Protein backbone atom coordinates (compact mmCIF):
# COMPACT_ATOMS: atom_id res chain seq x y z
CA MET A 1 33.60 -27.20 7.76
CA LYS A 2 34.68 -27.07 4.44
CA ILE A 3 32.92 -24.64 2.19
CA VAL A 4 33.01 -24.10 -2.00
CA PHE A 5 31.46 -22.02 -3.80
CA GLU A 6 31.23 -21.77 -7.67
CA ASN A 7 29.85 -18.96 -9.36
CA PRO A 8 31.46 -19.19 -13.09
CA ASP A 9 28.68 -16.82 -14.51
CA LYS A 10 28.82 -14.33 -11.90
CA VAL A 11 25.18 -14.61 -10.87
CA ASN A 12 23.89 -18.40 -10.75
CA GLY A 13 26.16 -19.26 -7.71
CA LEU A 14 26.71 -22.90 -6.03
CA MET A 15 27.76 -23.47 -2.68
CA THR A 16 28.99 -26.75 -1.30
CA LEU A 17 29.28 -27.16 2.34
CA THR A 18 30.80 -30.40 3.90
CA VAL A 19 30.08 -31.11 7.44
CA GLU A 20 32.17 -33.32 9.37
CA GLU A 21 31.54 -34.80 12.59
CA ALA A 22 33.87 -33.19 14.03
CA ASP A 23 31.49 -29.97 12.89
CA TYR A 24 28.49 -30.47 14.69
CA LYS A 25 29.43 -33.93 17.58
CA SER A 26 30.12 -31.63 20.56
CA GLU A 27 26.67 -29.58 19.70
CA VAL A 28 24.95 -32.28 19.67
CA GLU A 29 26.12 -34.06 23.22
CA LYS A 30 25.70 -30.51 24.90
CA THR A 31 22.42 -30.32 24.10
CA LEU A 32 21.46 -34.54 24.75
CA LYS A 33 23.37 -33.49 28.31
CA ASP A 34 20.75 -30.69 28.61
CA TYR A 35 17.87 -32.84 27.63
CA ARG A 36 18.98 -35.62 30.72
CA ARG A 37 19.15 -33.26 33.12
CA LYS A 38 15.81 -31.65 32.50
CA ALA A 39 14.42 -34.87 31.62
CA ASN A 40 11.26 -36.19 33.45
CA VAL A 41 10.87 -40.11 32.57
CA PRO A 42 8.57 -42.62 34.79
CA GLY A 43 11.07 -44.46 36.66
CA PHE A 44 13.86 -42.06 36.97
CA ARG A 45 15.24 -39.55 39.09
CA LYS A 46 14.98 -36.40 37.42
CA GLY A 47 18.77 -36.02 36.03
CA ASN A 48 19.41 -39.50 36.37
CA VAL A 49 17.84 -40.64 32.72
CA PRO A 50 20.56 -43.32 31.42
CA MET A 51 21.79 -41.24 28.65
CA ALA A 52 21.25 -44.41 26.16
CA LEU A 53 17.40 -43.88 26.90
CA ILE A 54 18.00 -39.76 25.76
CA LYS A 55 20.06 -40.38 23.02
CA ARG A 56 17.33 -43.45 21.32
CA GLN A 57 14.70 -40.63 22.11
CA TYR A 58 16.29 -37.28 20.76
CA GLU A 59 19.73 -37.98 19.11
CA MET A 60 18.08 -37.68 15.85
CA PRO A 61 15.96 -34.87 15.94
CA VAL A 62 18.75 -33.31 17.65
CA LYS A 63 21.15 -33.33 15.05
CA LEU A 64 19.05 -32.58 12.08
CA ASP A 65 18.13 -29.39 13.92
CA VAL A 66 22.30 -28.83 15.02
CA VAL A 67 23.42 -29.35 11.35
CA ASN A 68 20.33 -27.40 9.84
CA LYS A 69 21.22 -24.52 12.15
CA MET A 70 24.83 -25.06 11.20
CA LEU A 71 24.72 -24.64 7.87
CA GLY A 72 22.26 -21.40 7.76
CA GLU A 73 25.07 -20.01 9.79
CA GLU A 74 28.14 -20.56 7.98
CA ILE A 75 25.97 -19.75 4.60
CA TYR A 76 25.32 -16.64 5.82
CA LYS A 77 28.70 -15.38 7.23
CA TYR A 78 30.46 -16.73 4.27
CA VAL A 79 28.06 -14.70 2.05
CA LYS A 80 28.98 -11.73 4.64
CA ASP A 81 32.89 -12.36 4.92
CA ASN A 82 33.14 -12.84 1.22
CA ASN A 83 30.86 -9.92 -0.22
CA ILE A 84 28.68 -12.08 -2.21
CA MET A 85 25.60 -9.50 -3.08
CA MET A 86 23.04 -12.78 -2.63
CA LEU A 87 19.50 -12.00 -3.91
CA GLY A 88 16.69 -14.04 -1.67
CA GLU A 89 17.64 -17.55 0.11
CA PRO A 90 19.60 -20.13 -0.41
CA MET A 91 17.77 -22.92 -2.33
CA PRO A 92 18.52 -26.57 -2.16
CA SER A 93 20.44 -27.54 -5.33
CA GLU A 94 18.95 -30.60 -7.78
CA LYS A 95 22.37 -31.70 -7.64
CA GLN A 96 21.91 -32.45 -4.34
CA GLN A 97 22.10 -36.11 -3.41
CA PRO A 98 20.48 -37.92 -0.55
CA GLN A 99 22.24 -37.40 2.68
CA ASP A 100 21.78 -40.25 5.74
CA LEU A 101 21.85 -38.20 9.04
CA THR A 102 21.49 -41.43 11.25
CA LYS A 103 25.32 -42.24 9.84
CA GLU A 104 28.00 -40.41 11.35
CA GLY A 105 29.44 -37.60 8.63
CA PRO A 106 30.87 -36.06 6.79
CA PHE A 107 27.45 -34.94 5.09
CA GLU A 108 27.60 -32.92 2.07
CA PHE A 109 25.08 -30.09 1.47
CA ILE A 110 25.00 -28.32 -2.10
CA PHE A 111 22.77 -25.20 -2.52
CA ASP A 112 21.76 -22.84 -5.46
CA ILE A 113 22.72 -19.39 -4.34
CA ALA A 114 21.32 -16.27 -6.71
CA VAL A 115 23.84 -13.22 -7.02
CA ALA A 116 23.53 -10.00 -8.31
CA PRO A 117 24.38 -8.63 -11.59
CA ASP A 118 28.29 -6.57 -10.68
CA PHE A 119 27.28 -3.06 -11.82
CA THR A 120 28.37 0.63 -10.26
CA ILE A 121 26.01 3.40 -10.59
CA SER A 122 26.76 7.16 -9.37
CA LEU A 123 25.43 10.25 -10.07
CA THR A 124 27.38 13.91 -10.48
CA ASP A 125 26.59 17.20 -11.44
CA LYS A 126 27.02 15.68 -15.44
CA ASP A 127 23.68 14.23 -15.10
CA THR A 128 20.92 15.91 -15.53
CA VAL A 129 17.34 15.07 -14.52
CA ASP A 130 14.11 16.59 -15.10
CA TYR A 131 12.46 18.12 -12.43
CA TYR A 132 8.44 19.50 -12.48
CA ASP A 133 7.84 22.52 -10.56
CA ILE A 134 3.99 23.14 -10.27
CA GLU A 135 2.71 26.30 -10.46
CA VAL A 136 -0.14 27.42 -7.69
CA ASP A 137 -2.17 29.93 -9.38
CA ASP A 138 -5.57 31.37 -8.42
CA LYS A 139 -7.44 29.05 -10.42
CA LEU A 140 -5.99 26.34 -8.03
CA ILE A 141 -6.15 28.15 -5.13
CA GLN A 142 -9.92 28.45 -5.63
CA ASN A 143 -10.83 25.52 -5.93
CA GLN A 144 -9.48 24.64 -3.13
CA VAL A 145 -11.38 27.23 -1.09
CA ASP A 146 -14.60 26.05 -3.15
CA ALA A 147 -13.67 22.73 -1.58
CA MET A 148 -13.23 23.79 1.74
CA ALA A 149 -16.77 26.01 1.45
CA ALA A 150 -17.98 22.65 0.73
CA ARG A 151 -16.79 20.82 3.31
CA GLY A 152 -17.99 23.52 5.45
CA GLY A 153 -21.48 23.73 4.25
CA HIS A 154 -25.09 22.20 5.28
CA TYR A 155 -28.01 21.68 4.11
CA ASP A 156 -31.32 24.06 3.77
CA LYS A 157 -34.78 23.54 2.38
CA ALA A 158 -35.54 24.38 -1.19
CA SER A 159 -38.52 25.43 -2.60
CA GLU A 160 -38.15 23.68 -6.32
CA TYR A 161 -35.77 21.14 -7.43
CA ASP A 162 -32.64 21.88 -9.38
CA PRO A 163 -30.70 18.60 -10.73
CA GLU A 164 -27.73 21.13 -11.25
CA LYS A 165 -27.51 22.43 -7.34
CA ASN A 166 -27.09 18.28 -6.36
CA ASP A 167 -30.35 18.65 -4.69
CA MET A 168 -31.82 16.04 -2.52
CA LEU A 169 -35.42 14.87 -2.42
CA LYS A 170 -37.54 13.33 0.28
CA GLY A 171 -40.39 11.81 0.26
CA ASP A 172 -43.40 9.49 0.48
CA LEU A 173 -43.12 6.10 -2.22
CA ARG A 174 -45.78 3.98 -3.41
CA GLU A 175 -45.76 1.02 -5.52
CA LEU A 176 -48.57 1.36 -8.33
CA ASP A 177 -50.97 -1.44 -10.21
CA GLU A 178 -51.93 -1.47 -14.05
CA GLU A 179 -54.40 1.01 -13.55
CA GLY A 180 -52.01 3.44 -12.41
CA SER A 181 -53.62 3.52 -8.59
CA THR A 182 -51.63 2.04 -5.27
CA LYS A 183 -51.49 -1.41 -5.26
CA GLU A 184 -53.29 -2.85 -2.08
CA GLY A 185 -50.61 -4.85 -0.03
CA GLY A 186 -47.79 -3.62 -2.07
CA ILE A 187 -44.57 -1.49 -1.12
CA THR A 188 -45.18 1.53 0.91
CA LEU A 189 -42.32 3.38 2.14
CA ALA A 190 -42.19 6.67 3.57
CA ASP A 191 -39.54 9.34 3.92
CA VAL A 192 -37.43 7.82 1.29
CA VAL A 193 -34.42 9.89 0.12
CA LEU A 194 -33.81 10.28 -3.68
CA MET A 195 -31.22 12.32 -6.23
CA PRO A 196 -32.69 12.07 -9.63
CA LYS A 197 -29.55 13.42 -11.06
CA TYR A 198 -27.80 9.96 -10.15
CA MET A 199 -30.16 8.05 -12.00
CA ASN A 200 -28.66 5.66 -15.38
CA ASP A 201 -31.98 6.64 -17.30
CA GLU A 202 -32.23 10.31 -18.99
CA GLY A 203 -36.24 10.00 -19.05
CA GLN A 204 -36.73 8.99 -15.61
CA LYS A 205 -33.94 11.66 -14.47
CA HIS A 206 -35.89 14.24 -15.73
CA LEU A 207 -39.42 13.51 -14.76
CA PHE A 208 -38.30 14.80 -10.96
CA ASP A 209 -37.06 18.22 -12.68
CA ALA A 210 -38.11 21.20 -11.13
CA CYS A 211 -40.62 19.68 -9.02
CA THR A 212 -41.85 21.45 -5.34
CA PRO A 213 -43.11 20.09 -2.24
CA GLY A 214 -46.57 18.25 -2.79
CA ASP A 215 -45.69 17.23 -6.53
CA ILE A 216 -47.09 13.85 -7.10
CA ILE A 217 -44.26 12.29 -9.69
CA THR A 218 -44.90 8.73 -11.03
CA PHE A 219 -41.56 6.80 -12.53
CA ASN A 220 -40.31 3.61 -13.14
CA PRO A 221 -37.80 2.64 -10.74
CA ARG A 222 -35.98 -0.44 -12.67
CA LYS A 223 -35.88 1.74 -15.66
CA ALA A 224 -34.29 4.06 -13.15
CA TYR A 225 -31.69 1.56 -12.53
CA PRO A 226 -31.81 -0.50 -15.24
CA GLU A 227 -28.77 -2.75 -14.53
CA ASN A 228 -28.63 -2.05 -11.07
CA ASP A 229 -30.50 -4.59 -8.47
CA ALA A 230 -28.19 -3.28 -5.31
CA GLU A 231 -29.12 -0.01 -5.84
CA LEU A 232 -33.11 -0.86 -6.76
CA ALA A 233 -32.74 -3.06 -3.58
CA ALA A 234 -31.67 -0.06 -1.14
CA LEU A 235 -34.57 2.23 -2.28
CA LEU A 236 -37.02 -0.02 -1.81
CA LYS A 237 -35.24 -1.55 1.47
CA LEU A 238 -35.76 -4.98 -0.28
CA LYS A 239 -33.00 -8.03 -0.38
CA LYS A 240 -31.25 -7.87 -3.84
CA GLU A 241 -32.75 -10.87 -5.14
CA GLU A 242 -36.14 -9.58 -4.29
CA ALA A 243 -35.59 -6.34 -6.62
CA ALA A 244 -34.58 -8.13 -9.21
CA GLY A 245 -38.25 -9.28 -9.96
CA ILE A 246 -39.75 -5.56 -9.39
CA THR A 247 -40.75 -3.61 -12.60
CA ALA A 248 -43.81 -2.12 -11.55
CA ASP A 249 -44.30 1.99 -11.87
CA PHE A 250 -44.25 3.80 -8.43
CA SER A 251 -45.67 7.04 -7.04
CA TYR A 252 -43.56 9.54 -5.38
CA GLN A 253 -44.98 12.56 -3.56
CA VAL A 254 -42.27 15.11 -2.25
CA THR A 255 -42.30 15.95 1.00
CA GLU A 256 -39.30 17.92 1.47
CA ILE A 257 -36.28 19.31 -0.56
CA SER A 258 -33.17 19.60 0.53
CA ARG A 259 -29.99 22.03 -1.23
CA TYR A 260 -26.37 21.78 0.18
CA LEU A 261 -24.91 25.40 0.65
CA PRO A 262 -21.00 25.81 0.96
CA ALA A 263 -20.22 27.69 3.98
CA ALA A 264 -19.58 31.38 3.39
CA VAL A 265 -16.15 32.40 3.01
CA ASP A 266 -15.46 33.98 6.67
CA GLN A 267 -14.24 34.26 9.97
CA LYS A 268 -15.89 30.91 10.81
CA LEU A 269 -14.64 29.37 7.68
CA PHE A 270 -10.96 30.63 8.82
CA ASP A 271 -11.23 29.37 12.17
CA GLN A 272 -12.49 25.82 11.11
CA VAL A 273 -10.20 25.32 8.79
CA PHE A 274 -6.51 27.02 10.27
CA GLY A 275 -7.73 27.24 13.89
CA GLU A 276 -9.08 30.34 15.79
CA GLY A 277 -7.62 33.59 15.09
CA ASN A 278 -4.63 32.36 13.02
CA VAL A 279 -6.41 33.70 9.78
CA ASN A 280 -8.12 36.82 9.85
CA SER A 281 -8.75 37.59 6.33
CA GLU A 282 -10.03 36.46 3.06
CA GLU A 283 -6.41 37.56 1.30
CA GLU A 284 -4.64 35.53 4.37
CA PHE A 285 -6.97 32.47 4.09
CA ARG A 286 -5.90 32.51 -0.03
CA GLN A 287 -2.41 32.96 0.75
CA LYS A 288 -1.99 30.60 3.65
CA ILE A 289 -4.17 27.75 1.13
CA GLY A 290 -0.99 29.04 -1.64
CA GLU A 291 1.26 27.95 0.98
CA GLY A 292 -0.11 24.54 1.69
CA LEU A 293 -0.55 23.82 -1.46
CA LYS A 294 2.92 24.40 -2.44
CA ALA A 295 4.32 22.34 0.29
CA GLN A 296 1.84 19.35 -1.08
CA LEU A 297 2.94 19.81 -4.70
CA ARG A 298 6.50 20.05 -4.05
CA GLY A 299 6.18 16.72 -2.55
CA ASP A 300 4.62 15.55 -5.77
CA SER A 301 7.16 17.00 -7.66
CA ASP A 302 9.92 15.20 -5.52
CA TYR A 303 7.73 12.08 -6.02
CA ARG A 304 7.96 12.31 -9.65
CA PHE A 305 11.50 13.82 -9.59
CA LEU A 306 12.62 10.09 -7.98
CA ILE A 307 10.78 8.41 -10.55
CA ASP A 308 12.27 10.39 -13.14
CA VAL A 309 15.65 9.53 -11.36
CA ARG A 310 15.08 6.18 -11.99
CA LYS A 311 14.32 5.99 -15.53
CA TYR A 312 17.58 7.72 -15.93
CA CYS A 313 19.36 5.65 -13.91
CA GLU A 314 18.01 2.41 -15.26
CA GLN A 315 18.88 3.59 -18.75
CA LYS A 316 22.46 4.33 -17.50
CA VAL A 317 22.67 0.82 -16.32
CA GLY A 318 21.42 -1.07 -19.29
CA GLU A 319 20.40 -4.29 -19.28
CA LEU A 320 21.40 -6.74 -16.10
CA GLN A 321 21.69 -10.28 -16.49
CA PHE A 322 19.69 -12.45 -13.49
CA PRO A 323 19.90 -15.64 -12.32
CA GLU A 324 16.16 -16.01 -13.27
CA GLU A 325 15.83 -20.00 -12.59
CA ILE A 326 16.98 -19.55 -9.19
CA LEU A 327 15.03 -16.37 -8.23
CA LYS A 328 11.79 -17.98 -9.71
CA ARG A 329 12.37 -20.98 -7.31
CA VAL A 330 12.66 -18.40 -4.36
CA MET A 331 9.74 -16.60 -5.82
CA LYS A 332 7.67 -19.66 -5.85
CA HIS A 333 9.04 -20.56 -2.26
CA LYS A 334 8.08 -17.41 -0.51
CA ASN A 335 4.42 -17.95 -2.29
CA GLU A 336 3.62 -21.47 -1.43
CA ASP A 337 -0.01 -21.38 -1.97
CA LYS A 338 0.44 -19.42 -5.77
CA ASP A 339 0.92 -22.01 -8.84
CA ALA A 340 3.67 -21.40 -11.49
CA GLU A 341 1.24 -19.38 -13.31
CA TYR A 342 1.54 -16.79 -10.87
CA VAL A 343 5.28 -16.87 -11.13
CA ASP A 344 5.37 -16.78 -14.63
CA LYS A 345 2.82 -13.59 -14.56
CA ASN A 346 4.77 -11.42 -12.07
CA PHE A 347 8.25 -12.52 -12.64
CA ASP A 348 8.95 -9.80 -15.25
CA ALA A 349 7.94 -7.16 -12.69
CA SER A 350 9.51 -8.48 -9.90
CA ILE A 351 12.58 -8.50 -11.23
CA LYS A 352 11.85 -4.78 -12.82
CA GLU A 353 11.56 -3.89 -9.24
CA LEU A 354 15.27 -5.84 -8.02
CA LYS A 355 16.91 -3.92 -10.24
CA TRP A 356 15.68 -0.21 -9.14
CA HIS A 357 16.40 -1.97 -5.20
CA LEU A 358 20.16 -2.84 -6.46
CA ILE A 359 20.05 0.95 -7.91
CA LYS A 360 18.90 2.47 -5.28
CA GLU A 361 20.71 0.87 -2.57
CA GLN A 362 23.88 1.91 -4.37
CA LEU A 363 22.67 5.61 -4.81
CA VAL A 364 22.11 5.21 -0.67
CA ASN A 365 25.13 3.98 -0.30
CA ALA A 366 26.74 6.50 -2.15
CA THR A 367 25.23 9.53 -0.79
CA GLY A 368 25.96 7.87 3.04
CA LEU A 369 22.58 8.51 3.84
CA LYS A 370 22.02 6.86 7.27
CA VAL A 371 17.67 6.90 8.53
CA GLU A 372 17.35 7.21 12.35
CA ASP A 373 13.96 6.54 14.40
CA ASP A 374 13.13 10.34 14.19
CA ASP A 375 13.24 10.21 10.50
CA VAL A 376 10.39 7.45 10.31
CA LYS A 377 8.59 9.35 12.82
CA ASN A 378 8.57 12.29 10.76
CA THR A 379 7.57 10.55 8.04
CA ALA A 380 4.50 8.74 9.70
CA ILE A 381 3.36 12.45 11.10
CA ASN A 382 3.72 13.81 7.76
CA MET A 383 1.49 10.79 5.87
CA ALA A 384 -1.57 11.28 9.10
CA ARG A 385 -1.04 15.07 8.21
CA ALA A 386 -1.64 14.54 4.61
CA GLN A 387 -4.67 12.10 5.14
CA PHE A 388 -6.39 14.82 8.37
CA ALA A 389 -5.68 17.38 5.38
CA GLN A 390 -7.77 15.27 2.94
CA TYR A 391 -11.08 15.80 5.34
CA GLY A 392 -10.18 19.66 5.37
CA MET A 393 -8.53 19.41 8.62
CA ASN A 394 -5.45 21.36 8.47
CA ASP A 395 -4.47 22.34 11.91
CA VAL A 396 -4.69 19.03 13.81
CA PRO A 397 -2.60 19.44 17.30
CA MET A 398 0.78 17.49 16.93
CA GLU A 399 0.01 15.60 19.97
CA TYR A 400 -3.32 13.84 18.04
CA LEU A 401 -0.93 13.54 14.79
CA GLN A 402 1.78 12.03 17.09
CA ASN A 403 -0.62 9.34 17.96
CA TYR A 404 -2.11 8.81 14.82
CA ALA A 405 1.64 8.01 13.78
CA GLU A 406 2.25 5.64 16.47
CA ASP A 407 -1.09 3.68 15.84
CA LEU A 408 0.75 3.30 11.99
CA LEU A 409 3.60 2.21 13.03
CA LYS A 410 2.56 -0.43 15.38
CA LYS A 411 1.47 -2.09 12.25
CA ARG A 412 4.25 -4.02 10.49
CA GLU A 413 2.73 -3.88 7.09
CA ASN A 414 2.52 0.29 8.02
CA LEU A 415 6.17 0.16 9.19
CA ASP A 416 7.65 -1.10 6.01
CA GLN A 417 6.12 1.27 3.67
CA ILE A 418 6.58 4.03 6.19
CA VAL A 419 10.59 3.19 6.33
CA ASN A 420 10.92 3.40 2.60
CA SER A 421 9.02 6.48 2.02
CA ALA A 422 11.26 7.65 4.88
CA ILE A 423 14.62 6.30 2.70
CA ASP A 424 12.82 7.86 -0.57
CA HIS A 425 12.25 11.11 1.04
CA LYS A 426 16.28 11.51 2.24
CA LEU A 427 17.49 10.22 -1.00
CA THR A 428 15.36 12.72 -3.08
CA ALA A 429 16.56 15.20 -0.99
CA GLU A 430 20.22 14.52 -1.35
CA LEU A 431 20.18 13.95 -5.19
CA LYS A 432 18.42 17.13 -5.85
CA LYS A 433 21.85 18.46 -4.50
CA VAL A 434 24.05 16.30 -6.36
CA VAL A 435 22.30 16.41 -10.26
CA LYS A 436 21.86 19.12 -12.18
CA LEU A 437 18.20 19.70 -12.15
CA ASN A 438 16.28 21.07 -15.62
CA VAL A 439 13.40 22.73 -13.63
CA LYS A 440 10.32 23.08 -16.12
CA SER A 441 6.98 25.05 -14.41
CA VAL A 442 3.84 23.24 -15.32
CA THR A 443 0.47 23.32 -14.30
CA LEU A 444 -1.03 20.60 -12.07
CA ASP A 445 -3.56 19.71 -15.15
CA GLU A 446 0.22 19.66 -17.12
CA PHE A 447 1.53 17.82 -14.38
CA ASN A 448 -1.21 15.08 -14.16
CA LYS A 449 -0.34 14.21 -17.56
CA LEU A 450 3.10 13.05 -16.62
CA ALA A 451 1.34 10.15 -14.91
CA GLY A 452 0.61 8.16 -18.30
CA GLU A 453 4.00 8.77 -19.43
């Protein structure tokens, strides 16, 4: 097979493959013989079907399949052998002329090849990148203590409603007529739970201030939730379309007030958060929380560092030329259910991500970084640990973390994300050793403001 590759502007490649009869003939004949050996045709013993009959039925599709497979293999072999940085996949060229495969070769096939722009990026200790070290202060620790105490709390009875304490009311709800009496045949519900604090109308909300069990409050649910039929429907146990027509006042007789009380910061909470006997005083509790926050925030700092490395490298590399027309066709081919508007709308963002991918690939190669199976597994375990920590579960046994991580890795969409995360973690660790870090100590609030920059 003859292959000619043209790449005059370094990014728009044109590959022409000339397929001779000798390239495919033996493979076609071999496949047809195999078909003959296995064919079950009425009137002929197995293996004795005339080859002419086999050819008449199967030669063309076999030929197409063999040639198509050969083209794919030869293109990727040529690309690999000649170190061509192909982006996406080969696309049939507009210069392609129709080929009649019912005849013998030669056949000529032409493909457009998107080639990555040629550039070099490297980092040394002469490159300076900001690194934000987030302070773990008493305020941050106290916020975490309060959050853990809140998660471990419980509801208790209260004698008077206080909206500032997120009290929850339970009571009986009755629809009223125009005279303010219980409407005959109207809506009547028992044990209805209300949290007036979350009503949308201030006037309706304050009708419940300082109420006590036994009090009867007249309010208007429509005014309380003026533009939220879903909330109104849930309150009145109606379908959304039925709730849309409700405008009447309702009486609400309070039967119970519940107040959520955070857990006491004591041994019970210490054991609940960190496991029995691992923490034995509030001082140890706060210290342990501080250590956990420091580790968690170090991950946030590393994430921000990689973002700043990306910005720094993109500026250092400057503008790159990409084969836009070919890449747009590749993008459209991968999103066949989308229209041209989708490609136009998302193309610039796609190119930006592609540029970073090429930069990151060079950085990974320069550091000699390799991601092993254990790196992927450990990343999945850390993801699992972080998810449990969000719910205050900081002492989950390793067995459970490993099982959860294995479930994550079974899903293809998770696997790609986890592998990329493992690469990012290892690359970040290596780059922190390579570049000069401009360490800046910041509060969490100051750090969070950087997200908008």
